[in-house]
């Protein structure tokens, strides 16, 4: 029994010693969490948001026939360029021609009578004339034919797509960004686009940003579009290829900036510790100076007023240790001196 008590007593002393050592180590770490100097200088302030999507034409159209029937002739092939109004295919017009001629004859028999019958016959004639004309399917826009697979003898109907025409003269990025980046992305911002299978970096500008989605739950992304501003060789670009984009949400040149964690927020105002001199032991003498800030990124803050280029500010150097001590009793003494950034 005495032996057991002795073992417990020794174990207790050992635990106390270990705890005491850990406390000393923590205090030493706090002491080492010194401040470092940062010289204020001019440089660029850039922040980007990632996007994924594809390159598509701004103007494209799927072609449907206005009348039904059997194809008697085709005029185009996949990949062929057509101008607006060029014929794509011909549908058997025999029945439509008969209907057109009958309607024309009926209308001519009552033309000029000023009666209700004349008005009715005129409408029937115009309808039959239009249908007869639409047996020749024409290109609604200029561009390249894709997805065309119809052959002579095939039957087509009004709800059946014949092909798609794409205008490659104007292209756009169509993609998505993370919903958390919604406030950062704005119309007119610049964008770099890297297309899969293409070595050229395309330049774009944001033209559309989705503002709502009330039809889905757990929305994690939103749609954006960007006009492609410059395209070197369109023939090297596969339309519809996957691509990655970088949107410049902050892109300011030659401005004064300081690290974000150097800014101290107090009573809604922003301050930094400016080094004004040194004491006899070469320790810095500082003053707390209010600054006016502009753009904010994760790492840096634009300084609009309050600092000059070449001035030296102080900031905390050992944020990792301070973060580890956040939930300890020591944190109560350290927390008021920690720089923090608020809006």
C-alpha atoms as a PDB file:
ATOM      1  CA  UNK A   1       0.000   0.000   0.000  1.00  0.00           C
ATOM      2  CA  UNK A   2       2.810   2.425   0.921  1.00  0.00           C
ATOM      3  CA  UNK A   3       4.568   1.517  -2.310  1.00  0.00           C
ATOM      4  CA  UNK A   4       1.457   2.405  -4.317  1.00  0.00           C
ATOM      5  CA  UNK A   5       1.079   5.776  -2.594  1.00  0.00           C
ATOM      6  CA  UNK A   6       4.737   6.525  -3.266  1.00  0.00           C
ATOM      7  CA  UNK A   7       4.330   5.774  -6.986  1.00  0.00           C
ATOM      8  CA  UNK A   8       1.267   8.029  -7.227  1.00  0.00           C
ATOM      9  CA  UNK A   9       3.128  10.825  -5.410  1.00  0.00           C
ATOM     10  CA  UNK A  10       6.131  10.595  -7.746  1.00  0.00           C
ATOM     11  CA  UNK A  11       3.838  10.598 -10.792  1.00  0.00           C
ATOM     12  CA  UNK A  12       2.079  13.721  -9.526  1.00  0.00           C
ATOM     13  CA  UNK A  13       5.379  15.554  -9.095  1.00  0.00           C
ATOM     14  CA  UNK A  14       6.395  14.524 -12.616  1.00  0.00           C
ATOM     15  CA  UNK A  15       3.166  15.946 -14.115  1.00  0.00           C
ATOM     16  CA  UNK A  16       3.644  19.240 -12.265  1.00  0.00           C
ATOM     17  CA  UNK A  17       7.200  19.558 -13.579  1.00  0.00           C
ATOM     18  CA  UNK A  18       6.096  18.891 -17.161  1.00  0.00           C
ATOM     19  CA  UNK A  19       3.319  21.503 -16.891  1.00  0.00           C
ATOM     20  CA  UNK A  20       5.739  24.039 -15.495  1.00  0.00           C
ATOM     21  CA  UNK A  21       8.167  23.470 -18.368  1.00  0.00           C
ATOM     22  CA  UNK A  22       5.413  23.879 -20.953  1.00  0.00           C
ATOM     23  CA  UNK A  23       4.351  27.157 -19.357  1.00  0.00           C
ATOM     24  CA  UNK A  24       7.906  28.476 -19.534  1.00  0.00           C
ATOM     25  CA  UNK A  25       8.146  27.444 -23.181  1.00  0.00           C
ATOM     26  CA  UNK A  26       4.915  29.286 -23.992  1.00  0.00           C
ATOM     27  CA  UNK A  27       6.171  32.430 -22.243  1.00  0.00           C
ATOM     28  CA  UNK A  28       9.427  32.213 -24.156  1.00  0.00           C
ATOM     29  CA  UNK A  29       7.509  31.933 -27.441  1.00  0.00           C
ATOM     30  CA  UNK A  30       5.488  34.999 -26.546  1.00  0.00           C
ATOM     31  CA  UNK A  31       8.681  36.914 -25.888  1.00  0.00           C
ATOM     32  CA  UNK A  32      10.021  35.833 -29.271  1.00  0.00           C
ATOM     33  CA  UNK A  33       6.910  37.105 -31.040  1.00  0.00           C
ATOM     34  CA  UNK A  34       8.757  40.324 -31.869  1.00  0.00           C
ATOM     35  CA  UNK A  35       7.863  43.016 -34.316  1.00  0.00           C
ATOM     36  CA  UNK A  36       9.587  43.414 -37.652  1.00  0.00           C
ATOM     37  CA  UNK A  37      10.128  46.474 -39.805  1.00  0.00           C
ATOM     38  CA  UNK A  38       8.524  47.057 -43.189  1.00  0.00           C
ATOM     39  CA  UNK A  39       9.542  49.897 -45.483  1.00  0.00           C
ATOM     40  CA  UNK A  40       6.590  51.542 -47.238  1.00  0.00           C
ATOM     41  CA  UNK A  41       7.063  51.494 -50.995  1.00  0.00           C
ATOM     42  CA  UNK A  42       5.207  51.849 -54.249  1.00  0.00           C
ATOM     43  CA  UNK A  43       4.247  48.767 -56.238  1.00  0.00           C
ATOM     44  CA  UNK A  44       1.280  47.100 -57.914  1.00  0.00           C
ATOM     45  CA  UNK A  45      -1.670  45.761 -55.938  1.00  0.00           C
ATOM     46  CA  UNK A  46      -3.269  42.784 -57.647  1.00  0.00           C
ATOM     47  CA  UNK A  47      -5.896  40.239 -56.597  1.00  0.00           C
ATOM     48  CA  UNK A  48      -7.422  37.599 -58.858  1.00  0.00           C
ATOM     49  CA  UNK A  49     -10.501  35.364 -58.733  1.00  0.00           C
ATOM     50  CA  UNK A  50     -10.461  32.014 -60.521  1.00  0.00           C
ATOM     51  CA  UNK A  51     -13.133  30.988 -63.030  1.00  0.00           C
ATOM     52  CA  UNK A  52     -13.783  27.887 -65.131  1.00  0.00           C
ATOM     53  CA  UNK A  53     -15.762  27.664 -68.348  1.00  0.00           C
ATOM     54  CA  UNK A  54     -15.499  27.475 -72.119  1.00  0.00           C
ATOM     55  CA  UNK A  55     -15.151  29.706 -75.158  1.00  0.00           C
ATOM     56  CA  UNK A  56     -18.324  30.068 -77.242  1.00  0.00           C
ATOM     57  CA  UNK A  57     -19.513  32.431 -80.009  1.00  0.00           C
ATOM     58  CA  UNK A  58     -21.492  35.465 -78.895  1.00  0.00           C
ATOM     59  CA  UNK A  59     -23.739  34.980 -81.907  1.00  0.00           C
ATOM     60  CA  UNK A  60     -24.929  31.528 -82.941  1.00  0.00           C
ATOM     61  CA  UNK A  61     -28.251  30.082 -84.035  1.00  0.00           C
ATOM     62  CA  UNK A  62     -29.807  26.645 -84.369  1.00  0.00           C
ATOM     63  CA  UNK A  63     -31.724  26.326 -87.645  1.00  0.00           C
ATOM     64  CA  UNK A  64     -35.216  24.755 -87.752  1.00  0.00           C
ATOM     65  CA  UNK A  65     -37.394  24.314 -90.856  1.00  0.00           C
ATOM     66  CA  UNK A  66     -40.609  26.329 -91.001  1.00  0.00           C
ATOM     67  CA  UNK A  67     -42.383  23.574 -92.972  1.00  0.00           C
ATOM     68  CA  UNK A  68     -42.325  19.755 -92.938  1.00  0.00           C
ATOM     69  CA  UNK A  69     -41.463  17.401 -95.767  1.00  0.00           C
ATOM     70  CA  UNK A  70     -38.830  15.345 -97.562  1.00  0.00           C
ATOM     71  CA  UNK A  71     -35.406  16.832 -98.363  1.00  0.00           C
ATOM     72  CA  UNK A  72     -34.817  16.992-102.110  1.00  0.00           C
ATOM     73  CA  UNK A  73     -31.506  18.877-102.160  1.00  0.00           C
ATOM     74  CA  UNK A  74     -28.723  20.010 -99.775  1.00  0.00           C
ATOM     75  CA  UNK A  75     -26.395  22.958-100.387  1.00  0.00           C
ATOM     76  CA  UNK A  76     -23.957  22.881 -97.452  1.00  0.00           C
ATOM     77  CA  UNK A  77     -21.565  20.638 -95.509  1.00  0.00           C
ATOM     78  CA  UNK A  78     -20.212  20.700 -91.972  1.00  0.00           C
ATOM     79  CA  UNK A  79     -17.553  23.366 -91.516  1.00  0.00           C
ATOM     80  CA  UNK A  80     -18.694  25.377 -94.531  1.00  0.00           C
ATOM     81  CA  UNK A  81     -18.986  29.156 -94.211  1.00  0.00           C
ATOM     82  CA  UNK A  82     -22.296  30.658 -95.331  1.00  0.00           C
ATOM     83  CA  UNK A  83     -23.613  34.180 -95.593  1.00  0.00           C
ATOM     84  CA  UNK A  84     -26.968  35.298 -94.287  1.00  0.00           C
ATOM     85  CA  UNK A  85     -29.635  34.253 -96.828  1.00  0.00           C
ATOM     86  CA  UNK A  86     -27.598  31.468 -98.441  1.00  0.00           C
ATOM     87  CA  UNK A  87     -29.638  28.239 -99.060  1.00  0.00           C
ATOM     88  CA  UNK A  88     -29.013  25.299 -96.714  1.00  0.00           C
ATOM     89  CA  UNK A  89     -31.409  22.685 -98.092  1.00  0.00           C
ATOM     90  CA  UNK A  90     -34.557  22.283-100.172  1.00  0.00           C
ATOM     91  CA  UNK A  91     -37.772  20.537 -99.022  1.00  0.00           C
ATOM     92  CA  UNK A  92     -40.138  18.951-101.543  1.00  0.00           C
ATOM     93  CA  UNK A  93     -42.372  21.872-102.554  1.00  0.00           C
ATOM     94  CA  UNK A  94     -44.962  20.095-104.720  1.00  0.00           C
ATOM     95  CA  UNK A  95     -47.845  20.247-102.244  1.00  0.00           C
ATOM     96  CA  UNK A  96     -46.881  23.748-101.107  1.00  0.00           C
ATOM     97  CA  UNK A  97     -46.808  24.987-104.721  1.00  0.00           C
ATOM     98  CA  UNK A  98     -50.251  23.554-105.399  1.00  0.00           C
ATOM     99  CA  UNK A  99     -51.626  25.210-102.263  1.00  0.00           C
ATOM    100  CA  UNK A 100     -49.966  28.482-103.262  1.00  0.00           C
ATOM    101  CA  UNK A 101     -51.397  28.478-106.794  1.00  0.00           C
ATOM    102  CA  UNK A 102     -54.913  27.579-105.602  1.00  0.00           C
ATOM    103  CA  UNK A 103     -54.808  30.354-103.000  1.00  0.00           C
ATOM    104  CA  UNK A 104     -53.552  32.824-105.599  1.00  0.00           C
ATOM    105  CA  UNK A 105     -56.314  31.901-108.050  1.00  0.00           C
ATOM    106  CA  UNK A 106     -59.004  32.212-105.365  1.00  0.00           C
ATOM    107  CA  UNK A 107     -57.729  35.611-104.306  1.00  0.00           C
ATOM    108  CA  UNK A 108     -57.543  36.966-107.874  1.00  0.00           C
ATOM    109  CA  UNK A 109     -61.215  36.017-108.430  1.00  0.00           C
ATOM    110  CA  UNK A 110     -62.384  38.360-105.652  1.00  0.00           C
ATOM    111  CA  UNK A 111     -59.605  40.944-105.721  1.00  0.00           C
ATOM    112  CA  UNK A 112     -60.916  44.488-105.723  1.00  0.00           C
ATOM    113  CA  UNK A 113     -64.417  43.644-104.462  1.00  0.00           C
ATOM    114  CA  UNK A 114     -63.817  45.172-101.047  1.00  0.00           C
ATOM    115  CA  UNK A 115     -65.650  42.313 -99.358  1.00  0.00           C
ATOM    116  CA  UNK A 116     -64.853  40.198 -96.315  1.00  0.00           C
ATOM    117  CA  UNK A 117     -64.270  37.278 -98.675  1.00  0.00           C
ATOM    118  CA  UNK A 118     -61.533  39.267-100.424  1.00  0.00           C
ATOM    119  CA  UNK A 119     -59.774  39.871 -97.094  1.00  0.00           C
ATOM    120  CA  UNK A 120     -59.979  36.162 -96.195  1.00  0.00           C
ATOM    121  CA  UNK A 121     -58.701  35.020 -99.608  1.00  0.00           C
ATOM    122  CA  UNK A 122     -55.842  37.500 -99.384  1.00  0.00           C
ATOM    123  CA  UNK A 123     -54.681  36.123 -96.000  1.00  0.00           C
ATOM    124  CA  UNK A 124     -54.852  32.548 -97.322  1.00  0.00           C
ATOM    125  CA  UNK A 125     -52.842  33.545-100.376  1.00  0.00           C
ATOM    126  CA  UNK A 126     -50.136  35.285 -98.290  1.00  0.00           C
ATOM    127  CA  UNK A 127     -49.862  32.273 -95.958  1.00  0.00           C
ATOM    128  CA  UNK A 128     -49.548  29.789 -98.829  1.00  0.00           C
ATOM    129  CA  UNK A 129     -47.013  32.037-100.561  1.00  0.00           C
ATOM    130  CA  UNK A 130     -44.846  32.187 -97.442  1.00  0.00           C
ATOM    131  CA  UNK A 131     -44.934  28.418 -96.899  1.00  0.00           C
ATOM    132  CA  UNK A 132     -43.997  27.792-100.514  1.00  0.00           C
ATOM    133  CA  UNK A 133     -41.033  30.142-100.170  1.00  0.00           C
ATOM    134  CA  UNK A 134     -39.928  28.480 -96.901  1.00  0.00           C
ATOM    135  CA  UNK A 135     -39.416  25.130 -98.597  1.00  0.00           C
ATOM    136  CA  UNK A 136     -35.941  26.513 -99.249  1.00  0.00           C
ATOM    137  CA  UNK A 137     -34.271  26.764 -95.820  1.00  0.00           C
ATOM    138  CA  UNK A 138     -31.844  29.703 -95.705  1.00  0.00           C
ATOM    139  CA  UNK A 139     -29.099  30.770 -93.292  1.00  0.00           C
ATOM    140  CA  UNK A 140     -30.489  33.264 -90.721  1.00  0.00           C
ATOM    141  CA  UNK A 141     -26.982  34.609 -89.946  1.00  0.00           C
ATOM    142  CA  UNK A 142     -23.498  34.457 -91.450  1.00  0.00           C
ATOM    143  CA  UNK A 143     -21.117  31.876 -90.011  1.00  0.00           C
ATOM    144  CA  UNK A 144     -19.872  28.293 -90.055  1.00  0.00           C
ATOM    145  CA  UNK A 145     -22.188  25.282 -90.345  1.00  0.00           C
ATOM    146  CA  UNK A 146     -21.855  22.660 -87.571  1.00  0.00           C
ATOM    147  CA  UNK A 147     -23.951  19.625 -86.548  1.00  0.00           C
ATOM    148  CA  UNK A 148     -25.358  19.175 -90.043  1.00  0.00           C
ATOM    149  CA  UNK A 149     -26.188  15.552 -90.835  1.00  0.00           C
ATOM    150  CA  UNK A 150     -29.263  15.686 -93.098  1.00  0.00           C
ATOM    151  CA  UNK A 151     -29.272  13.942 -96.456  1.00  0.00           C
ATOM    152  CA  UNK A 152     -31.516  13.892 -99.521  1.00  0.00           C
ATOM    153  CA  UNK A 153     -34.570  11.774 -98.762  1.00  0.00           C
ATOM    154  CA  UNK A 154     -34.673  12.489 -95.043  1.00  0.00           C
ATOM    155  CA  UNK A 155     -37.979  13.646 -93.586  1.00  0.00           C
ATOM    156  CA  UNK A 156     -37.884  16.803 -91.482  1.00  0.00           C
ATOM    157  CA  UNK A 157     -40.430  18.539 -89.265  1.00  0.00           C
ATOM    158  CA  UNK A 158     -40.754  21.988 -87.758  1.00  0.00           C
ATOM    159  CA  UNK A 159     -39.446  20.952 -84.312  1.00  0.00           C
ATOM    160  CA  UNK A 160     -36.380  19.156 -85.709  1.00  0.00           C
ATOM    161  CA  UNK A 161     -32.999  20.961 -85.677  1.00  0.00           C
ATOM    162  CA  UNK A 162     -31.193  20.933 -89.013  1.00  0.00           C
ATOM    163  CA  UNK A 163     -27.842  22.470 -87.986  1.00  0.00           C
ATOM    164  CA  UNK A 164     -26.220  25.278 -86.018  1.00  0.00           C
ATOM    165  CA  UNK A 165     -24.501  28.324 -87.480  1.00  0.00           C
ATOM    166  CA  UNK A 166     -21.742  29.932 -85.400  1.00  0.00           C
ATOM    167  CA  UNK A 167     -20.284  33.382 -85.969  1.00  0.00           C
ATOM    168  CA  UNK A 168     -16.627  33.159 -84.862  1.00  0.00           C
ATOM    169  CA  UNK A 169     -15.925  36.863 -85.372  1.00  0.00           C
ATOM    170  CA  UNK A 170     -17.009  37.597 -81.778  1.00  0.00           C
ATOM    171  CA  UNK A 171     -16.300  35.121 -78.995  1.00  0.00           C
ATOM    172  CA  UNK A 172     -16.971  35.128 -75.259  1.00  0.00           C
ATOM    173  CA  UNK A 173     -16.021  33.264 -72.105  1.00  0.00           C
ATOM    174  CA  UNK A 174     -19.019  31.497 -70.550  1.00  0.00           C
ATOM    175  CA  UNK A 175     -18.273  30.041 -67.123  1.00  0.00           C
ATOM    176  CA  UNK A 176     -18.660  30.089 -63.358  1.00  0.00           C
ATOM    177  CA  UNK A 177     -17.005  31.504 -60.250  1.00  0.00           C
ATOM    178  CA  UNK A 178     -17.358  30.505 -56.606  1.00  0.00           C
ATOM    179  CA  UNK A 179     -20.307  32.212 -54.926  1.00  0.00           C
ATOM    180  CA  UNK A 180     -18.032  33.544 -52.155  1.00  0.00           C
ATOM    181  CA  UNK A 181     -16.323  35.689 -54.811  1.00  0.00           C
ATOM    182  CA  UNK A 182     -19.612  37.342 -55.850  1.00  0.00           C
ATOM    183  CA  UNK A 183     -18.880  40.746 -54.204  1.00  0.00           C
ATOM    184  CA  UNK A 184     -15.415  40.947 -55.766  1.00  0.00           C
ATOM    185  CA  UNK A 185     -16.390  40.446 -59.407  1.00  0.00           C
ATOM    186  CA  UNK A 186     -17.826  43.465 -61.242  1.00  0.00           C
ATOM    187  CA  UNK A 187     -18.684  44.350 -64.831  1.00  0.00           C
ATOM    188  CA  UNK A 188     -15.773  45.805 -66.743  1.00  0.00           C
ATOM    189  CA  UNK A 189     -13.039  43.942 -64.869  1.00  0.00           C
ATOM    190  CA  UNK A 190     -10.216  42.446 -66.905  1.00  0.00           C
ATOM    191  CA  UNK A 191      -9.693  38.726 -67.304  1.00  0.00           C
ATOM    192  CA  UNK A 192      -6.923  36.425 -68.537  1.00  0.00           C
ATOM    193  CA  UNK A 193      -8.134  33.193 -70.138  1.00  0.00           C
ATOM    194  CA  UNK A 194      -6.108  30.052 -70.797  1.00  0.00           C
ATOM    195  CA  UNK A 195      -7.843  27.689 -73.221  1.00  0.00           C
ATOM    196  CA  UNK A 196      -7.129  23.967 -73.140  1.00  0.00           C
ATOM    197  CA  UNK A 197      -5.050  22.969 -76.154  1.00  0.00           C
ATOM    198  CA  UNK A 198      -4.079  26.556 -76.975  1.00  0.00           C
ATOM    199  CA  UNK A 199      -0.865  28.280 -75.932  1.00  0.00           C
ATOM    200  CA  UNK A 200      -2.227  31.804 -76.386  1.00  0.00           C
ATOM    201  CA  UNK A 201      -3.481  33.662 -73.292  1.00  0.00           C
ATOM    202  CA  UNK A 202      -6.712  35.412 -74.279  1.00  0.00           C
ATOM    203  CA  UNK A 203      -7.758  38.790 -72.903  1.00  0.00           C
ATOM    204  CA  UNK A 204     -11.332  39.415 -71.823  1.00  0.00           C
ATOM    205  CA  UNK A 205     -13.573  41.859 -69.985  1.00  0.00           C
ATOM    206  CA  UNK A 206     -16.530  40.912 -67.761  1.00  0.00           C
ATOM    207  CA  UNK A 207     -19.883  41.731 -69.410  1.00  0.00           C
ATOM    208  CA  UNK A 208     -22.336  39.683 -67.310  1.00  0.00           C
ATOM    209  CA  UNK A 209     -22.616  38.412 -63.734  1.00  0.00           C
ATOM    210  CA  UNK A 210     -25.528  36.312 -62.490  1.00  0.00           C
ATOM    211  CA  UNK A 211     -27.214  38.170 -59.623  1.00  0.00           C
ATOM    212  CA  UNK A 212     -29.594  35.520 -58.249  1.00  0.00           C
ATOM    213  CA  UNK A 213     -30.630  31.866 -58.280  1.00  0.00           C
ATOM    214  CA  UNK A 214     -33.919  31.136 -56.530  1.00  0.00           C
ATOM    215  CA  UNK A 215     -34.592  27.801 -58.202  1.00  0.00           C
ATOM    216  CA  UNK A 216     -31.813  25.789 -56.531  1.00  0.00           C
ATOM    217  CA  UNK A 217     -30.657  25.023 -53.004  1.00  0.00           C
ATOM    218  CA  UNK A 218     -27.047  25.032 -51.805  1.00  0.00           C
ATOM    219  CA  UNK A 219     -25.841  27.356 -54.560  1.00  0.00           C
ATOM    220  CA  UNK A 220     -22.027  27.227 -54.677  1.00  0.00           C
ATOM    221  CA  UNK A 221     -21.293  28.887 -58.030  1.00  0.00           C
ATOM    222  CA  UNK A 222     -22.708  31.545 -60.337  1.00  0.00           C
ATOM    223  CA  UNK A 223     -22.507  32.261 -64.058  1.00  0.00           C
ATOM    224  CA  UNK A 224     -20.372  34.980 -65.609  1.00  0.00           C
ATOM    225  CA  UNK A 225     -19.573  36.012 -69.187  1.00  0.00           C
ATOM    226  CA  UNK A 226     -16.694  37.970 -70.673  1.00  0.00           C
ATOM    227  CA  UNK A 227     -16.066  39.379 -74.149  1.00  0.00           C
ATOM    228  CA  UNK A 228     -12.833  38.204 -75.764  1.00  0.00           C
ATOM    229  CA  UNK A 229     -10.964  41.387 -76.685  1.00  0.00           C
ATOM    230  CA  UNK A 230      -8.093  40.032 -78.704  1.00  0.00           C
ATOM    231  CA  UNK A 231      -7.680  36.825 -80.660  1.00  0.00           C
ATOM    232  CA  UNK A 232      -4.451  36.076 -82.496  1.00  0.00           C
ATOM    233  CA  UNK A 233      -5.331  33.169 -84.786  1.00  0.00           C
ATOM    234  CA  UNK A 234      -8.965  31.946 -84.545  1.00  0.00           C
ATOM    235  CA  UNK A 235      -8.113  28.848 -86.562  1.00  0.00           C
ATOM    236  CA  UNK A 236      -5.999  27.551 -83.646  1.00  0.00           C
ATOM    237  CA  UNK A 237      -8.891  27.846 -81.188  1.00  0.00           C
ATOM    238  CA  UNK A 238     -11.375  25.006 -80.754  1.00  0.00           C
ATOM    239  CA  UNK A 239     -14.773  26.558 -80.042  1.00  0.00           C
ATOM    240  CA  UNK A 240     -16.264  25.019 -76.903  1.00  0.00           C
ATOM    241  CA  UNK A 241     -12.932  23.958 -75.393  1.00  0.00           C
ATOM    242  CA  UNK A 242     -12.589  24.059 -71.596  1.00  0.00           C
ATOM    243  CA  UNK A 243     -10.657  26.987 -70.186  1.00  0.00           C
ATOM    244  CA  UNK A 244      -9.469  28.571 -66.948  1.00  0.00           C
ATOM    245  CA  UNK A 245      -9.767  32.258 -66.206  1.00  0.00           C
ATOM    246  CA  UNK A 246      -8.269  34.776 -63.798  1.00  0.00           C
ATOM    247  CA  UNK A 247     -10.352  37.867 -63.079  1.00  0.00           C
ATOM    248  CA  UNK A 248      -8.466  40.924 -61.861  1.00  0.00           C
ATOM    249  CA  UNK A 249     -10.745  42.069 -59.021  1.00  0.00           C
ATOM    250  CA  UNK A 250      -8.014  44.459 -57.841  1.00  0.00           C
ATOM    251  CA  UNK A 251      -5.510  45.784 -60.365  1.00  0.00           C
ATOM    252  CA  UNK A 252      -3.887  49.044 -59.260  1.00  0.00           C
ATOM    253  CA  UNK A 253      -0.512  50.204 -60.477  1.00  0.00           C
ATOM    254  CA  UNK A 254       2.259  52.064 -58.636  1.00  0.00           C
ATOM    255  CA  UNK A 255       0.456  52.681 -55.347  1.00  0.00           C
ATOM    256  CA  UNK A 256       1.572  52.765 -51.708  1.00  0.00           C
ATOM    257  CA  UNK A 257       0.721  49.580 -49.858  1.00  0.00           C
ATOM    258  CA  UNK A 258       1.392  47.883 -46.536  1.00  0.00           C
ATOM    259  CA  UNK A 259       0.812  44.325 -45.317  1.00  0.00           C
ATOM    260  CA  UNK A 260      -2.734  43.695 -44.160  1.00  0.00           C
ATOM    261  CA  UNK A 261      -1.645  42.454 -40.742  1.00  0.00           C
ATOM    262  CA  UNK A 262       0.203  45.728 -40.120  1.00  0.00           C
ATOM    263  CA  UNK A 263      -3.073  47.674 -39.964  1.00  0.00           C
ATOM    264  CA  UNK A 264      -4.614  48.185 -36.538  1.00  0.00           C
ATOM    265  CA  UNK A 265      -8.335  48.929 -36.223  1.00  0.00           C
ATOM    266  CA  UNK A 266      -9.485  51.068 -33.327  1.00  0.00           C
ATOM    267  CA  UNK A 267     -12.867  52.780 -32.970  1.00  0.00           C
ATOM    268  CA  UNK A 268     -13.582  52.284 -36.657  1.00  0.00           C
ATOM    269  CA  UNK A 269     -10.334  53.952 -37.760  1.00  0.00           C
ATOM    270  CA  UNK A 270      -7.170  52.429 -39.229  1.00  0.00           C
ATOM    271  CA  UNK A 271      -3.709  52.925 -37.776  1.00  0.00           C
ATOM    272  CA  UNK A 272      -0.150  51.711 -38.241  1.00  0.00           C
ATOM    273  CA  UNK A 273       2.879  51.884 -35.964  1.00  0.00           C
ATOM    274  CA  UNK A 274       5.364  54.220 -37.634  1.00  0.00           C
ATOM    275  CA  UNK A 275       9.028  54.133 -36.599  1.00  0.00           C
ATOM    276  CA  UNK A 276      10.137  57.710 -35.882  1.00  0.00           C
ATOM    277  CA  UNK A 277      13.454  57.116 -34.118  1.00  0.00           C
ATOM    278  CA  UNK A 278      15.591  54.740 -32.004  1.00  0.00           C
ATOM    279  CA  UNK A 279      16.670  54.826 -28.367  1.00  0.00           C
ATOM    280  CA  UNK A 280      20.207  54.304 -27.081  1.00  0.00           C
ATOM    281  CA  UNK A 281      19.775  50.516 -27.211  1.00  0.00           C
ATOM    282  CA  UNK A 282      18.682  50.729 -30.851  1.00  0.00           C
ATOM    283  CA  UNK A 283      15.087  49.883 -29.929  1.00  0.00           C
ATOM    284  CA  UNK A 284      12.532  51.550 -32.213  1.00  0.00           C
ATOM    285  CA  UNK A 285      10.547  54.540 -31.038  1.00  0.00           C
ATOM    286  CA  UNK A 286       7.125  54.521 -32.706  1.00  0.00           C
ATOM    287  CA  UNK A 287       3.955  56.536 -33.034  1.00  0.00           C
ATOM    288  CA  UNK A 288       0.454  55.296 -33.790  1.00  0.00           C
ATOM    289  CA  UNK A 289      -0.601  57.067 -36.969  1.00  0.00           C
ATOM    290  CA  UNK A 290      -4.037  57.084 -38.601  1.00  0.00           C
ATOM    291  CA  UNK A 291      -4.156  56.167 -42.289  1.00  0.00           C
ATOM    292  CA  UNK A 292      -6.759  56.241 -45.040  1.00  0.00           C
ATOM    293  CA  UNK A 293      -6.998  53.009 -46.976  1.00  0.00           C
ATOM    294  CA  UNK A 294      -8.282  52.095 -50.436  1.00  0.00           C
ATOM    295  CA  UNK A 295      -8.369  48.638 -51.968  1.00  0.00           C
ATOM    296  CA  UNK A 296      -7.918  45.620 -49.688  1.00  0.00           C
ATOM    297  CA  UNK A 297      -6.575  42.192 -50.609  1.00  0.00           C
ATOM    298  CA  UNK A 298      -5.774  39.182 -48.475  1.00  0.00           C
ATOM    299  CA  UNK A 299      -2.113  40.192 -48.124  1.00  0.00           C
ATOM    300  CA  UNK A 300      -1.881  43.944 -48.708  1.00  0.00           C
ATOM    301  CA  UNK A 301      -3.796  47.191 -48.201  1.00  0.00           C
ATOM    302  CA  UNK A 302      -3.607  50.309 -50.367  1.00  0.00           C
ATOM    303  CA  UNK A 303      -2.663  53.416 -48.384  1.00  0.00           C
ATOM    304  CA  UNK A 304      -4.343  56.525 -49.792  1.00  0.00           C
ATOM    305  CA  UNK A 305      -3.209  58.979 -47.108  1.00  0.00           C
ATOM    306  CA  UNK A 306      -1.166  59.038 -43.894  1.00  0.00           C
ATOM    307  CA  UNK A 307       2.110  57.482 -45.052  1.00  0.00           C
ATOM    308  CA  UNK A 308       4.958  58.452 -47.354  1.00  0.00           C
ATOM    309  CA  UNK A 309       7.182  56.253 -49.458  1.00  0.00           C
ATOM    310  CA  UNK A 310      10.295  55.236 -47.523  1.00  0.00           C
ATOM    311  CA  UNK A 311       8.727  55.448 -44.057  1.00  0.00           C
ATOM    312  CA  UNK A 312       9.139  52.396 -41.833  1.00  0.00           C
ATOM    313  CA  UNK A 313       6.287  50.694 -40.004  1.00  0.00           C
ATOM    314  CA  UNK A 314       6.313  47.854 -37.493  1.00  0.00           C
ATOM    315  CA  UNK A 315       4.198  44.725 -37.551  1.00  0.00           C
ATOM    316  CA  UNK A 316       3.959  41.443 -35.676  1.00  0.00           C
ATOM    317  CA  UNK A 317       6.340  38.758 -36.932  1.00  0.00           C
ATOM    318  CA  UNK A 318       5.209  35.598 -35.176  1.00  0.00           C
ATOM    319  CA  UNK A 319       1.518  35.318 -35.951  1.00  0.00           C
ATOM    320  CA  UNK A 320       1.587  31.503 -35.880  1.00  0.00           C
ATOM    321  CA  UNK A 321       2.561  31.344 -32.203  1.00  0.00           C
ATOM    322  CA  UNK A 322       0.108  34.079 -31.325  1.00  0.00           C
ATOM    323  CA  UNK A 323      -2.640  32.117 -33.072  1.00  0.00           C
ATOM    324  CA  UNK A 324      -1.802  29.018 -31.050  1.00  0.00           C
ATOM    325  CA  UNK A 325      -2.090  31.047 -27.852  1.00  0.00           C
ATOM    326  CA  UNK A 326      -5.456  32.524 -28.823  1.00  0.00           C
ATOM    327  CA  UNK A 327      -7.430  30.297 -26.472  1.00  0.00           C
ATOM    328  CA  UNK A 328      -5.010  30.449 -23.538  1.00  0.00           C
ATOM    329  CA  UNK A 329      -5.036  32.769 -20.548  1.00  0.00           C
ATOM    330  CA  UNK A 330      -1.931  34.483 -21.907  1.00  0.00           C
ATOM    331  CA  UNK A 331      -4.011  35.664 -24.868  1.00  0.00           C
ATOM    332  CA  UNK A 332      -5.869  38.112 -22.636  1.00  0.00           C
ATOM    333  CA  UNK A 333      -2.674  40.142 -22.295  1.00  0.00           C
ATOM    334  CA  UNK A 334      -1.641  39.867 -25.943  1.00  0.00           C
ATOM    335  CA  UNK A 335      -4.952  40.286 -27.785  1.00  0.00           C
ATOM    336  CA  UNK A 336      -5.297  44.102 -27.480  1.00  0.00           C
ATOM    337  CA  UNK A 337      -1.963  44.589 -29.262  1.00  0.00           C
ATOM    338  CA  UNK A 338      -2.763  42.278 -32.176  1.00  0.00           C
ATOM    339  CA  UNK A 339      -3.349  44.073 -35.481  1.00  0.00           C
ATOM    340  CA  UNK A 340      -6.697  43.322 -37.022  1.00  0.00           C
ATOM    341  CA  UNK A 341      -8.447  44.582 -40.119  1.00  0.00           C
ATOM    342  CA  UNK A 342     -12.110  45.474 -40.148  1.00  0.00           C
ATOM    343  CA  UNK A 343     -14.453  47.119 -42.548  1.00  0.00           C
END
